[in-house]
Amino acid sequence: MSDLNVTPSPMRRVSAVAMLGVLGVLLLRVALGPEALGAGWVAMLLVFAAAVFWVSWRLWQATACRLVLTEEELVEEGLDGTRGRVLCRLDDIAGVERGTFAFKPSNGFMIRLKTPASRVWAPGLWWRFGKRVGVGGVTPAGQGKAMADVIAARIGTGARID
């Protein structure tokens, strides 16, 4: 059986990074503009601008990967085929949620794990906090839906698809 993957959409990837870049530039413009602001406000705006630029860089790096569902696990894989981090093992999945009101990323789904795992965040692609893994962001909705359905089918009756 071939592996199923979720690959970030190039247009969404570029537009997400561009929007964050514009936000960073606007924050810099306000902080360094001719308007008289207190030193505290300027410092806060500069810190926020730096944080936004950092997140936009991390989003660009993180979305240079795709997520691949193998027979045993869901893993991150570089677009050149290099294997990356393991999001979760299929035998550790308690359920899948992709309903309208589920706490999940845009165009994606939520995986509930049986055991807690370390916190990891790949902006625009996936995150993991405790017993929850969120997959999605700048990914196509169809690929996310297909992967959620396949995971739910593989883990059996413990899955809930809304």
Foldseek 3Di string as FASTA:
>chain_A
DDKAKWAFDPVLLVVVLVVLLVVLVVLQCVLPDPDDDDPVSSVVSNVVSVVSNVLSVLLNVLNQWMWIDDLFFIFIAGPVGHTDGTPGTLVFWQEKEDDPPDPAEPLAIKTFGNFFDDWDDRPQAWTGGTRIIHGGGSTHNVSRVVVRVVSDVSSPPSYDYD
